[in-house]
Each structure stands twice: as structure tokens, then as C-alpha cells.
């Protein structure tokens, strides 16, 4: 899609339409759970949900922690950071040399390139290094950009997530089941 094209305008309308629906509620989390919400929450213990506050990587490694963090990022309109990080994790598992270049190109065009549809916030030097890495894509071509995005989420979004209504409501829900 080119700038000003109908599909670009449609994306902008969707984003603007979401502004009126911005929320930071527990329901945002349950709406995107990987399983049926009630069954999933019955399996989630207070101890597990509390462990998410131990470290950002603990949160990312837990299926429901990841879902809760994604729901939170959507309320902040910054889910592209997590989506990029997950795309890089998936990319690193690529075993086919034939698929490597095309997957790398998709990730670059989606998240790294200037004016990418879901452009992540990285500095010029990291963007240019990644661009040079694209000349000969390897499993590590996004490592620096992924590291910067991980660090940004860990220092910025993660502390806000731990204070968010989504997380505090989730903890309350798991504790209420115990009483």
C-alpha cells in the first residue's frame, strides 16, 4: 500500500476508532486469552501471576503472562514492540535457508523500515545496522534491534504493566478464587 492509498487510510481509521475504545481493564485480558477465559483463569494460580513481577523474562515465558502483557500493550497502542520481539523469536527458529531471506524481509518491512506499518522505536544506528544485516540475512540479523526493543519494553512498558488495572485485577481474581 502506498501513502494515501485506501488501505493505509483504512488502517488509520481503525487506529483512530480504537481511541474511543481505549481501556485498561481485566476484560481486555480475558478477551484474548489463548484458551477459554474461565478455564484458563482457573488454571492460573496467584503464585504464577505474582511471579510475573519477578522479572520481565518470567512474564514473557508464561503463556498467560504473555497474553496479559499483550492486552496491556494494546491499551497503550504499543503492541508492535511485543509483536516484533515475538517475530524475532520465531525467526531464530527458522531452519530452512530458503525461508530465511523471505522471513527476514517480511520482518524488516513490517517493523524496522522507516514508515513500516508497525514500526518499532529504535535508534538510527540500530536501524541502519539491521538494514546492512539484511544484505546477507542470518539468524542473528535482528539481534541488536530485538535487544533494544526488549530493553525498552523491560524499562518502560513492563513497570507500567505491573501497576496496570489489567494486572492488579488479574491478581485479585486469582486471590478471590482462593477465598
N, C-alpha and C. Protein backbone atom coordinates (compact mmCIF):
# COMPACT_ATOMS: atom_id res chain seq x y z
N UNK A 1 0.84 -1.18 0.00
CA UNK A 1 0.00 0.00 0.00
C UNK A 1 0.88 1.24 0.00
N UNK A 2 0.52 2.21 -0.76
CA UNK A 2 1.30 3.45 -0.77
C UNK A 2 0.63 4.48 0.13
N UNK A 3 1.40 5.49 0.48
CA UNK A 3 0.87 6.54 1.34
C UNK A 3 -0.36 7.16 0.66
N UNK A 4 -1.42 7.33 1.46
CA UNK A 4 -2.63 7.92 0.92
C UNK A 4 -3.54 6.93 0.23
N UNK A 5 -3.09 5.69 0.10
CA UNK A 5 -3.94 4.70 -0.55
C UNK A 5 -5.08 4.29 0.38
N UNK A 6 -6.13 3.70 -0.17
CA UNK A 6 -7.29 3.33 0.64
C UNK A 6 -6.94 2.41 1.81
N UNK A 7 -6.03 1.44 1.60
CA UNK A 7 -5.75 0.52 2.71
C UNK A 7 -5.00 1.23 3.83
N UNK A 8 -4.18 2.20 3.51
CA UNK A 8 -3.47 2.96 4.56
C UNK A 8 -4.48 3.81 5.34
N UNK A 9 -5.42 4.43 4.63
CA UNK A 9 -6.44 5.23 5.30
C UNK A 9 -7.33 4.36 6.18
N UNK A 10 -7.64 3.17 5.72
CA UNK A 10 -8.47 2.25 6.48
C UNK A 10 -7.76 1.89 7.79
N UNK A 11 -6.44 1.66 7.72
CA UNK A 11 -5.68 1.35 8.92
C UNK A 11 -5.69 2.50 9.90
N UNK A 12 -5.60 3.71 9.38
CA UNK A 12 -5.63 4.89 10.25
C UNK A 12 -7.01 5.04 10.88
N UNK A 13 -8.07 4.81 10.11
CA UNK A 13 -9.43 4.89 10.67
C UNK A 13 -9.60 3.87 11.78
N UNK A 14 -9.05 2.68 11.56
CA UNK A 14 -9.15 1.63 12.59
C UNK A 14 -8.44 2.09 13.85
N UNK A 15 -7.22 2.62 13.69
CA UNK A 15 -6.47 3.09 14.86
C UNK A 15 -7.22 4.21 15.58
N UNK A 16 -7.75 5.16 14.81
CA UNK A 16 -8.48 6.26 15.42
C UNK A 16 -9.77 5.77 16.08
N UNK A 17 -10.41 4.80 15.46
CA UNK A 17 -11.62 4.23 16.05
C UNK A 17 -11.32 3.56 17.37
N UNK A 18 -10.13 2.98 17.49
CA UNK A 18 -9.75 2.31 18.73
C UNK A 18 -9.59 3.30 19.87
N UNK A 19 -9.27 4.54 19.56
CA UNK A 19 -9.07 5.53 20.62
C UNK A 19 -10.30 5.65 21.50
N UNK A 20 -11.48 5.56 20.88
CA UNK A 20 -12.69 5.69 21.67
C UNK A 20 -12.96 4.45 22.51
N UNK A 21 -12.25 3.35 22.23
CA UNK A 21 -12.44 2.11 22.97
C UNK A 21 -11.29 1.80 23.90
N UNK A 22 -10.35 2.75 24.07
CA UNK A 22 -9.18 2.50 24.90
C UNK A 22 -9.64 2.17 26.31
N UNK A 23 -9.08 1.15 26.85
CA UNK A 23 -9.47 0.68 28.15
C UNK A 23 -8.27 0.01 28.78
N UNK A 24 -8.31 -0.15 30.07
CA UNK A 24 -7.23 -0.83 30.78
C UNK A 24 -7.90 -1.78 31.76
N UNK A 25 -8.68 -2.67 31.24
CA UNK A 25 -9.45 -3.50 32.14
C UNK A 25 -9.10 -4.96 32.03
N UNK A 26 -9.49 -5.66 33.04
CA UNK A 26 -9.32 -7.09 33.15
C UNK A 26 -10.01 -7.79 31.97
N UNK A 27 -11.13 -7.24 31.51
CA UNK A 27 -11.86 -7.84 30.39
C UNK A 27 -11.04 -7.82 29.11
N UNK A 28 -10.17 -6.80 28.94
CA UNK A 28 -9.29 -6.76 27.77
C UNK A 28 -8.38 -7.98 27.76
N UNK A 29 -7.94 -8.38 28.93
CA UNK A 29 -7.06 -9.54 29.05
C UNK A 29 -7.83 -10.83 28.76
N UNK A 30 -8.97 -11.00 29.39
CA UNK A 30 -9.70 -12.26 29.22
C UNK A 30 -10.19 -12.44 27.79
N UNK A 31 -10.39 -11.34 27.08
CA UNK A 31 -10.87 -11.43 25.70
C UNK A 31 -9.85 -12.06 24.76
N UNK A 32 -8.56 -12.00 25.09
CA UNK A 32 -7.56 -12.54 24.16
C UNK A 32 -6.79 -13.72 24.74
N UNK A 33 -7.33 -14.32 25.79
CA UNK A 33 -6.65 -15.49 26.35
C UNK A 33 -6.55 -16.60 25.32
N UNK A 34 -5.43 -17.35 25.36
CA UNK A 34 -5.26 -18.43 24.38
C UNK A 34 -6.29 -19.55 24.53
N UNK A 35 -6.84 -19.73 25.72
CA UNK A 35 -7.86 -20.75 25.95
C UNK A 35 -9.18 -20.05 26.29
N UNK A 36 -10.19 -20.83 26.64
CA UNK A 36 -11.43 -20.24 27.11
C UNK A 36 -11.13 -19.50 28.42
N UNK A 37 -11.53 -18.22 28.54
CA UNK A 37 -11.15 -17.41 29.69
C UNK A 37 -11.39 -18.05 31.05
N UNK A 38 -12.57 -18.59 31.29
CA UNK A 38 -12.86 -19.14 32.61
C UNK A 38 -11.97 -20.33 32.94
N UNK A 39 -11.80 -21.22 31.99
CA UNK A 39 -10.97 -22.39 32.22
C UNK A 39 -9.50 -21.98 32.42
N UNK A 40 -9.05 -21.02 31.62
CA UNK A 40 -7.67 -20.55 31.72
C UNK A 40 -7.41 -19.92 33.09
N UNK A 41 -8.33 -19.10 33.54
CA UNK A 41 -8.11 -18.43 34.81
C UNK A 41 -8.19 -19.39 35.99
N UNK A 42 -8.95 -20.45 35.84
CA UNK A 42 -8.99 -21.46 36.91
C UNK A 42 -7.65 -22.16 37.02
N UNK A 43 -6.93 -22.27 35.90
CA UNK A 43 -5.62 -22.91 35.91
C UNK A 43 -4.51 -21.98 36.37
N UNK A 44 -4.73 -20.67 36.28
CA UNK A 44 -3.71 -19.70 36.66
C UNK A 44 -3.74 -19.49 38.17
N UNK A 45 -2.63 -19.77 38.81
CA UNK A 45 -2.57 -19.59 40.26
C UNK A 45 -2.08 -18.18 40.59
N UNK A 46 -2.40 -17.75 41.80
CA UNK A 46 -1.91 -16.45 42.28
C UNK A 46 -0.40 -16.46 42.29
N UNK A 47 0.19 -17.59 42.66
CA UNK A 47 1.65 -17.70 42.70
C UNK A 47 2.26 -17.47 41.32
N UNK A 48 1.65 -18.09 40.29
CA UNK A 48 2.17 -17.90 38.92
C UNK A 48 2.07 -16.43 38.51
N UNK A 49 0.91 -15.84 38.71
CA UNK A 49 0.70 -14.44 38.31
C UNK A 49 1.61 -13.50 39.10
N UNK A 50 1.86 -13.81 40.35
CA UNK A 50 2.76 -12.99 41.17
C UNK A 50 4.19 -13.11 40.67
N UNK A 51 4.57 -14.28 40.19
CA UNK A 51 5.94 -14.49 39.67
C UNK A 51 6.23 -13.61 38.46
N UNK A 52 5.21 -13.19 37.75
CA UNK A 52 5.43 -12.32 36.59
C UNK A 52 6.13 -11.03 37.01
N UNK A 53 5.96 -10.63 38.27
CA UNK A 53 6.61 -9.41 38.76
C UNK A 53 8.08 -9.64 39.10
N UNK A 54 8.52 -10.90 39.13
CA UNK A 54 9.93 -11.22 39.44
C UNK A 54 10.87 -10.70 38.36
N UNK A 55 10.49 -10.91 37.10
CA UNK A 55 11.31 -10.43 36.01
C UNK A 55 10.49 -10.39 34.72
N UNK A 56 10.94 -9.54 33.83
CA UNK A 56 10.27 -9.39 32.54
C UNK A 56 10.33 -10.70 31.76
N UNK A 57 11.45 -11.40 31.82
CA UNK A 57 11.59 -12.66 31.08
C UNK A 57 10.67 -13.76 31.63
N UNK A 58 10.42 -13.74 32.93
CA UNK A 58 9.46 -14.69 33.52
C UNK A 58 8.08 -14.42 32.92
N UNK A 59 7.71 -13.15 32.84
CA UNK A 59 6.42 -12.77 32.25
C UNK A 59 6.32 -13.26 30.81
N UNK A 60 7.36 -13.00 30.01
CA UNK A 60 7.33 -13.37 28.58
C UNK A 60 7.31 -14.87 28.37
N UNK A 61 7.82 -15.63 29.33
CA UNK A 61 7.90 -17.08 29.15
C UNK A 61 6.61 -17.80 29.57
N UNK A 62 5.67 -17.08 30.15
CA UNK A 62 4.41 -17.69 30.61
C UNK A 62 3.29 -17.36 29.62
N UNK A 63 2.59 -18.38 29.17
CA UNK A 63 1.55 -18.21 28.15
C UNK A 63 0.54 -17.12 28.55
N UNK A 64 0.04 -17.17 29.78
CA UNK A 64 -0.97 -16.20 30.20
C UNK A 64 -0.33 -14.86 30.55
N UNK A 65 0.92 -14.88 30.98
CA UNK A 65 1.64 -13.63 31.22
C UNK A 65 1.81 -12.87 29.92
N UNK A 66 2.19 -13.60 28.89
CA UNK A 66 2.35 -13.00 27.57
C UNK A 66 1.02 -12.44 27.07
N UNK A 67 -0.07 -13.17 27.27
CA UNK A 67 -1.39 -12.71 26.83
C UNK A 67 -1.81 -11.45 27.61
N UNK A 68 -1.54 -11.42 28.91
CA UNK A 68 -1.89 -10.25 29.72
C UNK A 68 -1.06 -9.04 29.30
N UNK A 69 0.23 -9.26 29.06
CA UNK A 69 1.11 -8.16 28.64
C UNK A 69 0.69 -7.64 27.27
N UNK A 70 0.32 -8.54 26.37
CA UNK A 70 -0.15 -8.13 25.04
C UNK A 70 -1.42 -7.28 25.16
N UNK A 71 -2.34 -7.71 26.01
CA UNK A 71 -3.59 -6.95 26.21
C UNK A 71 -3.27 -5.56 26.75
N UNK A 72 -2.33 -5.50 27.68
CA UNK A 72 -1.92 -4.21 28.23
C UNK A 72 -1.31 -3.32 27.15
N UNK A 73 -0.41 -3.87 26.35
CA UNK A 73 0.23 -3.07 25.30
C UNK A 73 -0.80 -2.55 24.30
N UNK A 74 -1.84 -3.34 24.04
CA UNK A 74 -2.89 -2.88 23.13
C UNK A 74 -3.57 -1.64 23.69
N UNK A 75 -3.74 -1.59 25.02
CA UNK A 75 -4.38 -0.41 25.62
C UNK A 75 -3.48 0.81 25.48
N UNK A 76 -2.18 0.58 25.32
CA UNK A 76 -1.23 1.69 25.16
C UNK A 76 -0.86 1.91 23.69
N UNK A 77 -1.47 1.16 22.80
CA UNK A 77 -1.20 1.26 21.37
C UNK A 77 0.28 1.04 21.07
N UNK A 78 0.89 0.09 21.76
CA UNK A 78 2.32 -0.18 21.53
C UNK A 78 2.60 -1.67 21.41
N UNK A 79 1.63 -2.43 20.95
CA UNK A 79 1.84 -3.88 20.85
C UNK A 79 2.83 -4.26 19.76
N UNK A 80 3.20 -3.31 18.89
CA UNK A 80 4.17 -3.64 17.83
C UNK A 80 5.52 -4.06 18.43
N UNK A 81 5.87 -3.52 19.59
CA UNK A 81 7.13 -3.91 20.22
C UNK A 81 7.14 -5.39 20.56
N UNK A 82 6.08 -5.85 21.19
CA UNK A 82 5.98 -7.27 21.54
C UNK A 82 5.87 -8.13 20.29
N UNK A 83 5.09 -7.69 19.33
CA UNK A 83 4.92 -8.47 18.10
C UNK A 83 6.26 -8.61 17.37
N UNK A 84 7.06 -7.54 17.35
CA UNK A 84 8.39 -7.62 16.74
C UNK A 84 9.27 -8.60 17.51
N UNK A 85 9.27 -8.50 18.83
CA UNK A 85 10.09 -9.39 19.65
C UNK A 85 9.70 -10.86 19.40
N UNK A 86 8.40 -11.13 19.35
CA UNK A 86 7.92 -12.50 19.09
C UNK A 86 8.29 -12.95 17.68
N UNK A 87 8.19 -12.05 16.70
CA UNK A 87 8.56 -12.39 15.32
C UNK A 87 10.04 -12.77 15.26
N UNK A 88 10.88 -12.05 16.01
CA UNK A 88 12.31 -12.36 16.05
C UNK A 88 12.56 -13.71 16.70
N UNK A 89 11.84 -14.00 17.77
CA UNK A 89 11.99 -15.30 18.43
C UNK A 89 11.62 -16.42 17.46
N UNK A 90 10.54 -16.24 16.72
CA UNK A 90 10.12 -17.23 15.74
C UNK A 90 11.15 -17.32 14.61
N UNK A 91 11.66 -16.18 14.16
CA UNK A 91 12.65 -16.13 13.08
C UNK A 91 13.90 -16.94 13.44
N UNK A 92 14.32 -16.86 14.68
CA UNK A 92 15.52 -17.57 15.13
C UNK A 92 15.36 -19.09 15.06
N UNK A 93 14.14 -19.55 14.96
CA UNK A 93 13.88 -21.00 14.86
C UNK A 93 13.85 -21.47 13.41
N UNK A 94 14.02 -20.56 12.47
CA UNK A 94 13.99 -20.89 11.03
C UNK A 94 15.16 -21.81 10.70
N UNK A 95 14.84 -22.94 10.10
CA UNK A 95 15.88 -23.91 9.75
C UNK A 95 16.11 -23.98 8.24
N UNK A 96 15.18 -23.46 7.49
CA UNK A 96 15.28 -23.50 6.04
C UNK A 96 15.98 -22.26 5.51
N UNK A 97 17.10 -22.46 4.85
CA UNK A 97 17.84 -21.33 4.26
C UNK A 97 16.97 -20.60 3.24
N UNK A 98 16.12 -21.34 2.55
CA UNK A 98 15.25 -20.74 1.53
C UNK A 98 14.25 -19.78 2.17
N UNK A 99 13.75 -20.11 3.36
CA UNK A 99 12.76 -19.27 4.02
C UNK A 99 13.39 -18.11 4.79
N UNK A 100 14.66 -18.23 5.14
CA UNK A 100 15.33 -17.25 5.97
C UNK A 100 15.25 -15.84 5.37
N UNK A 101 15.63 -15.68 4.12
CA UNK A 101 15.65 -14.36 3.49
C UNK A 101 14.25 -13.76 3.39
N UNK A 102 13.27 -14.56 3.01
CA UNK A 102 11.91 -14.01 2.86
C UNK A 102 11.31 -13.64 4.22
N UNK A 103 11.56 -14.46 5.24
CA UNK A 103 11.07 -14.13 6.58
C UNK A 103 11.74 -12.86 7.10
N UNK A 104 13.05 -12.75 6.88
CA UNK A 104 13.79 -11.57 7.32
C UNK A 104 13.23 -10.32 6.63
N UNK A 105 12.98 -10.42 5.33
CA UNK A 105 12.44 -9.28 4.58
C UNK A 105 11.07 -8.88 5.12
N UNK A 106 10.22 -9.86 5.42
CA UNK A 106 8.88 -9.54 5.97
C UNK A 106 9.00 -8.81 7.30
N UNK A 107 9.87 -9.29 8.18
CA UNK A 107 10.05 -8.66 9.49
C UNK A 107 10.58 -7.23 9.31
N UNK A 108 11.57 -7.09 8.43
CA UNK A 108 12.16 -5.77 8.20
C UNK A 108 11.10 -4.79 7.70
N UNK A 109 10.34 -5.20 6.69
CA UNK A 109 9.32 -4.32 6.11
C UNK A 109 8.18 -4.02 7.08
N UNK A 110 7.86 -4.97 7.95
CA UNK A 110 6.75 -4.81 8.89
C UNK A 110 7.11 -3.94 10.10
N UNK A 111 8.37 -4.06 10.58
CA UNK A 111 8.71 -3.44 11.86
C UNK A 111 9.91 -2.48 11.85
N UNK A 112 10.87 -2.66 10.96
CA UNK A 112 12.14 -1.92 11.05
C UNK A 112 12.22 -0.75 10.08
N UNK A 113 11.81 -0.97 8.86
CA UNK A 113 11.93 0.06 7.82
C UNK A 113 11.24 1.35 8.27
N UNK A 114 11.78 2.48 7.84
CA UNK A 114 11.15 3.76 8.16
C UNK A 114 9.76 3.76 7.53
N UNK A 115 8.78 4.18 8.28
CA UNK A 115 7.38 4.19 7.86
C UNK A 115 6.79 2.78 7.72
N UNK A 116 7.40 1.80 8.36
CA UNK A 116 6.84 0.44 8.35
C UNK A 116 5.46 0.48 9.01
N UNK A 117 4.56 -0.41 8.61
CA UNK A 117 3.20 -0.39 9.17
C UNK A 117 3.18 -0.47 10.71
N UNK A 118 4.10 -1.25 11.28
CA UNK A 118 4.16 -1.37 12.74
C UNK A 118 5.59 -1.07 13.21
N UNK A 119 6.08 0.07 12.77
CA UNK A 119 7.46 0.48 13.04
C UNK A 119 7.75 0.53 14.53
N UNK A 120 8.84 -0.14 14.93
CA UNK A 120 9.27 -0.11 16.33
C UNK A 120 10.20 1.08 16.54
N UNK A 121 10.29 1.49 17.79
CA UNK A 121 11.08 2.66 18.14
C UNK A 121 12.52 2.26 18.43
N UNK A 122 13.37 2.35 17.41
CA UNK A 122 14.80 2.07 17.59
C UNK A 122 15.59 3.24 17.02
N UNK A 123 16.82 3.37 17.49
CA UNK A 123 17.65 4.48 17.04
C UNK A 123 18.14 4.27 15.60
N UNK A 124 18.62 5.35 15.01
CA UNK A 124 19.08 5.34 13.62
C UNK A 124 20.18 4.31 13.38
N UNK A 125 21.17 4.26 14.30
CA UNK A 125 22.31 3.34 14.13
C UNK A 125 21.84 1.89 14.11
N UNK A 126 20.92 1.55 15.00
CA UNK A 126 20.41 0.16 15.05
C UNK A 126 19.63 -0.15 13.78
N UNK A 127 18.83 0.80 13.33
CA UNK A 127 18.05 0.61 12.10
C UNK A 127 18.99 0.38 10.91
N UNK A 128 20.04 1.19 10.83
CA UNK A 128 20.99 1.07 9.71
C UNK A 128 21.80 -0.22 9.79
N UNK A 129 22.21 -0.61 10.99
CA UNK A 129 22.92 -1.89 11.16
C UNK A 129 22.03 -3.04 10.70
N UNK A 130 20.77 -2.99 11.09
CA UNK A 130 19.83 -4.04 10.69
C UNK A 130 19.64 -4.03 9.18
N UNK A 131 19.57 -2.85 8.60
CA UNK A 131 19.44 -2.73 7.13
C UNK A 131 20.65 -3.39 6.46
N UNK A 132 21.86 -3.14 6.96
CA UNK A 132 23.07 -3.76 6.40
C UNK A 132 23.03 -5.29 6.61
N UNK A 133 22.55 -5.72 7.75
CA UNK A 133 22.44 -7.16 8.02
C UNK A 133 21.52 -7.86 7.03
N UNK A 134 20.59 -7.11 6.48
CA UNK A 134 19.62 -7.68 5.53
C UNK A 134 20.27 -8.06 4.19
N UNK A 135 21.45 -7.53 3.93
CA UNK A 135 22.14 -7.88 2.68
C UNK A 135 22.50 -9.36 2.65
N UNK A 136 22.82 -9.91 3.81
CA UNK A 136 23.07 -11.34 3.96
C UNK A 136 22.38 -11.81 5.23
N UNK A 137 21.07 -12.04 5.17
CA UNK A 137 20.32 -12.37 6.38
C UNK A 137 20.85 -13.64 7.07
N UNK A 138 20.93 -13.55 8.38
CA UNK A 138 21.31 -14.70 9.19
C UNK A 138 20.35 -14.76 10.38
N UNK A 139 20.44 -15.82 11.16
CA UNK A 139 19.56 -15.94 12.32
C UNK A 139 19.79 -14.84 13.35
N UNK A 140 20.91 -14.15 13.25
CA UNK A 140 21.22 -13.09 14.22
C UNK A 140 21.05 -11.68 13.65
N UNK A 141 20.48 -11.55 12.46
CA UNK A 141 20.43 -10.23 11.81
C UNK A 141 19.56 -9.21 12.57
N UNK A 142 18.65 -9.67 13.42
CA UNK A 142 17.79 -8.75 14.17
C UNK A 142 18.18 -8.65 15.64
N UNK A 143 19.27 -9.30 16.03
CA UNK A 143 19.63 -9.38 17.45
C UNK A 143 19.74 -8.01 18.12
N UNK A 144 20.42 -7.08 17.50
CA UNK A 144 20.59 -5.78 18.15
C UNK A 144 19.25 -5.05 18.26
N UNK A 145 18.48 -5.04 17.21
CA UNK A 145 17.17 -4.38 17.24
C UNK A 145 16.25 -5.06 18.25
N UNK A 146 16.27 -6.38 18.28
CA UNK A 146 15.43 -7.11 19.22
C UNK A 146 15.86 -6.80 20.65
N UNK A 147 17.15 -6.71 20.88
CA UNK A 147 17.67 -6.38 22.21
C UNK A 147 17.22 -4.99 22.65
N UNK A 148 17.26 -4.03 21.73
CA UNK A 148 16.83 -2.66 22.05
C UNK A 148 15.35 -2.64 22.40
N UNK A 149 14.54 -3.36 21.62
CA UNK A 149 13.10 -3.38 21.87
C UNK A 149 12.80 -4.09 23.19
N UNK A 150 13.49 -5.18 23.46
CA UNK A 150 13.32 -5.90 24.73
C UNK A 150 13.64 -4.97 25.89
N UNK A 151 14.76 -4.27 25.78
CA UNK A 151 15.18 -3.34 26.83
C UNK A 151 14.16 -2.22 27.03
N UNK A 152 13.66 -1.69 25.93
CA UNK A 152 12.64 -0.64 26.00
C UNK A 152 11.38 -1.14 26.72
N UNK A 153 10.91 -2.33 26.34
CA UNK A 153 9.72 -2.88 26.99
C UNK A 153 9.99 -3.14 28.48
N UNK A 154 11.16 -3.67 28.78
CA UNK A 154 11.50 -4.01 30.16
C UNK A 154 11.58 -2.77 31.05
N UNK A 155 12.15 -1.70 30.52
CA UNK A 155 12.34 -0.48 31.31
C UNK A 155 11.11 0.43 31.32
N UNK A 156 10.30 0.33 30.29
CA UNK A 156 9.21 1.27 30.11
C UNK A 156 7.83 0.62 30.30
N UNK A 157 7.49 -0.32 29.44
CA UNK A 157 6.14 -0.91 29.46
C UNK A 157 5.93 -1.86 30.63
N UNK A 158 6.92 -2.67 30.94
CA UNK A 158 6.79 -3.69 31.99
C UNK A 158 6.45 -3.08 33.36
N UNK A 159 7.16 -2.04 33.82
CA UNK A 159 6.78 -1.45 35.12
C UNK A 159 5.35 -0.90 35.11
N UNK A 160 4.93 -0.31 33.99
CA UNK A 160 3.55 0.20 33.89
C UNK A 160 2.56 -0.96 33.90
N UNK A 161 2.93 -2.07 33.24
CA UNK A 161 2.06 -3.24 33.25
C UNK A 161 1.83 -3.72 34.68
N UNK A 162 2.90 -3.78 35.46
CA UNK A 162 2.77 -4.27 36.85
C UNK A 162 1.88 -3.36 37.70
N UNK A 163 1.74 -2.09 37.31
CA UNK A 163 0.85 -1.16 38.03
C UNK A 163 -0.53 -1.07 37.38
N UNK A 164 -0.71 -1.73 36.24
CA UNK A 164 -1.95 -1.58 35.46
C UNK A 164 -3.14 -2.26 36.11
N UNK A 165 -4.30 -1.81 35.70
CA UNK A 165 -5.54 -2.41 36.16
C UNK A 165 -5.66 -3.85 35.66
N UNK A 166 -5.17 -4.11 34.48
CA UNK A 166 -5.21 -5.48 33.94
C UNK A 166 -4.50 -6.43 34.90
N UNK A 167 -3.30 -6.09 35.30
CA UNK A 167 -2.52 -6.98 36.17
C UNK A 167 -3.09 -7.03 37.59
N UNK A 168 -3.42 -5.87 38.15
CA UNK A 168 -3.94 -5.88 39.52
C UNK A 168 -5.30 -6.58 39.60
N UNK A 169 -6.14 -6.39 38.59
CA UNK A 169 -7.42 -7.11 38.56
C UNK A 169 -7.20 -8.61 38.42
N UNK A 170 -6.25 -9.00 37.61
CA UNK A 170 -5.94 -10.42 37.42
C UNK A 170 -5.50 -11.05 38.74
N UNK A 171 -4.61 -10.37 39.46
CA UNK A 171 -4.18 -10.87 40.77
C UNK A 171 -5.36 -10.98 41.73
N UNK A 172 -6.21 -9.98 41.72
CA UNK A 172 -7.40 -10.01 42.59
C UNK A 172 -8.29 -11.19 42.25
N UNK A 173 -8.48 -11.44 40.96
CA UNK A 173 -9.32 -12.57 40.52
C UNK A 173 -8.74 -13.91 41.00
N UNK A 174 -7.43 -14.07 40.88
CA UNK A 174 -6.83 -15.35 41.29
C UNK A 174 -6.89 -15.49 42.80
N UNK A 175 -6.76 -14.40 43.55
CA UNK A 175 -6.82 -14.46 45.01
C UNK A 175 -8.25 -14.70 45.49
N UNK A 176 -9.22 -14.14 44.79
CA UNK A 176 -10.63 -14.31 45.15
C UNK A 176 -11.04 -15.78 45.05
N UNK A 177 -10.46 -16.48 44.09
CA UNK A 177 -10.79 -17.91 43.93
C UNK A 177 -10.35 -18.72 45.15
N UNK A 178 -9.30 -18.25 45.81
CA UNK A 178 -8.77 -18.98 46.95
C UNK A 178 -9.62 -18.81 48.19
N UNK A 179 -10.35 -17.69 48.28
CA UNK A 179 -11.13 -17.45 49.49
C UNK A 179 -12.55 -17.93 49.38
